[in-house]
Amino acid sequence: MSPLNQPWLARTITVVGSTDRGLIGLEGMIVDETKRTLRVRSPKGVHVIAKNIISFKLDGDDFIIEGSKVTQRPEDRVARRNRRKR
């Protein structure tokens, strides 16, 4: 199953790209998700990050998720069918 269709709470996120250079390399646990944001707990504290300005990996996986493509409510994202480009 694609990580796009799985719950993200309590998973480790690593920001690999962002329009805000200060977010690149941020790593922590997702503690909350809304339609447009992720709340991440890192060793430096809790960060609220807009999904549409980041690309990230979950749990060290090689699959990069573009945040701008997952700006829907978590319950809608999990139920939605997302296809990978080949």
Protein backbone atom coordinates (compact mmCIF):
# COMPACT_ATOMS: atom_id res chain seq x y z
CA MET A 1 0.00 0.00 0.00
CA SER A 2 1.24 3.46 -0.86
CA PRO A 3 2.31 5.72 2.03
CA LEU A 4 -0.17 8.25 0.66
CA ASN A 5 -3.03 5.99 1.72
CA GLN A 6 -1.77 5.21 5.22
CA PRO A 7 -2.20 7.17 8.46
CA TRP A 8 0.82 9.35 9.21
CA LEU A 9 0.39 9.92 12.97
CA ALA A 10 3.34 8.68 15.05
CA ARG A 11 5.49 8.19 11.94
CA THR A 12 8.90 9.78 11.46
CA ILE A 13 9.10 12.55 8.87
CA THR A 14 12.22 13.90 7.20
CA VAL A 15 11.87 17.11 5.20
CA VAL A 16 14.01 16.78 2.04
CA GLY A 17 12.93 19.93 0.22
CA SER A 18 11.22 23.20 1.08
CA THR A 19 10.83 26.80 -0.02
CA ASP A 20 11.89 27.63 3.58
CA ARG A 21 15.54 26.54 3.79
CA GLY A 22 15.29 26.31 7.60
CA LEU A 23 12.96 23.31 7.30
CA ILE A 24 15.23 21.19 5.10
CA GLY A 25 16.63 18.32 7.15
CA LEU A 26 14.00 18.65 9.89
CA GLU A 27 13.26 15.24 11.36
CA GLY A 28 10.68 14.29 13.95
CA MET A 29 7.46 12.47 14.75
CA ILE A 30 4.13 13.58 13.28
CA VAL A 31 1.79 14.28 16.18
CA ASP A 32 -1.11 15.92 14.31
CA GLU A 33 -2.28 16.44 10.74
CA THR A 34 -4.84 18.85 9.33
CA LYS A 35 -5.88 19.64 5.79
CA ARG A 36 -3.00 22.06 5.24
CA THR A 37 -0.46 21.41 8.03
CA LEU A 38 1.60 18.80 9.83
CA ARG A 39 2.56 19.19 13.49
CA VAL A 40 5.98 17.61 14.04
CA ARG A 41 7.71 16.98 17.38
CA SER A 42 11.50 17.14 17.01
CA PRO A 43 14.31 17.43 19.57
CA LYS A 44 14.09 21.22 19.08
CA GLY A 45 10.36 21.39 19.91
CA VAL A 46 7.03 21.20 18.11
CA HIS A 47 6.84 22.68 14.61
CA VAL A 48 3.72 23.40 12.57
CA ILE A 49 4.64 22.99 8.91
CA ALA A 50 2.51 23.89 5.89
CA LYS A 51 2.21 20.86 3.61
CA ASN A 52 2.28 22.89 0.41
CA ILE A 53 5.86 24.17 0.91
CA ILE A 54 7.63 20.87 1.66
CA SER A 55 8.55 17.53 0.14
CA PHE A 56 9.30 14.77 2.61
CA LYS A 57 9.96 11.11 3.35
CA LEU A 58 8.24 8.95 5.95
CA ASP A 59 10.13 6.48 8.17
CA GLY A 60 13.31 6.78 6.08
CA ASP A 61 11.60 5.35 2.99
CA ASP A 62 12.94 6.35 -0.45
CA PHE A 63 9.49 7.47 -1.65
CA ILE A 64 9.35 11.30 -1.67
CA ILE A 65 5.94 12.86 -1.04
CA GLU A 66 5.18 16.28 -2.50
CA GLY A 67 3.24 18.10 0.20
CA SER A 68 1.33 20.21 -2.33
CA LYS A 69 -0.28 17.02 -3.68
CA VAL A 70 -1.62 15.87 -0.29
CA THR A 71 -3.43 18.99 0.89
CA GLN A 72 -6.67 17.32 1.87
CA ARG A 73 -8.09 16.17 5.17
CA PRO A 74 -6.31 13.09 6.55
CA GLU A 75 -9.46 10.98 6.46
CA ASP A 76 -10.01 11.89 2.79
CA ARG A 77 -6.35 11.23 1.91
CA VAL A 78 -6.43 7.75 3.45
CA ALA A 79 -9.64 6.81 1.61
CA ARG A 80 -8.48 8.24 -1.73
CA ARG A 81 -6.80 6.15 -4.40
CA ASN A 82 -3.46 7.60 -5.44
CA ARG A 83 -1.59 6.20 -8.37
CA ARG A 84 2.17 6.21 -8.69
CA LYS A 85 3.67 7.39 -11.95
CA ARG A 86 5.79 4.74 -13.58
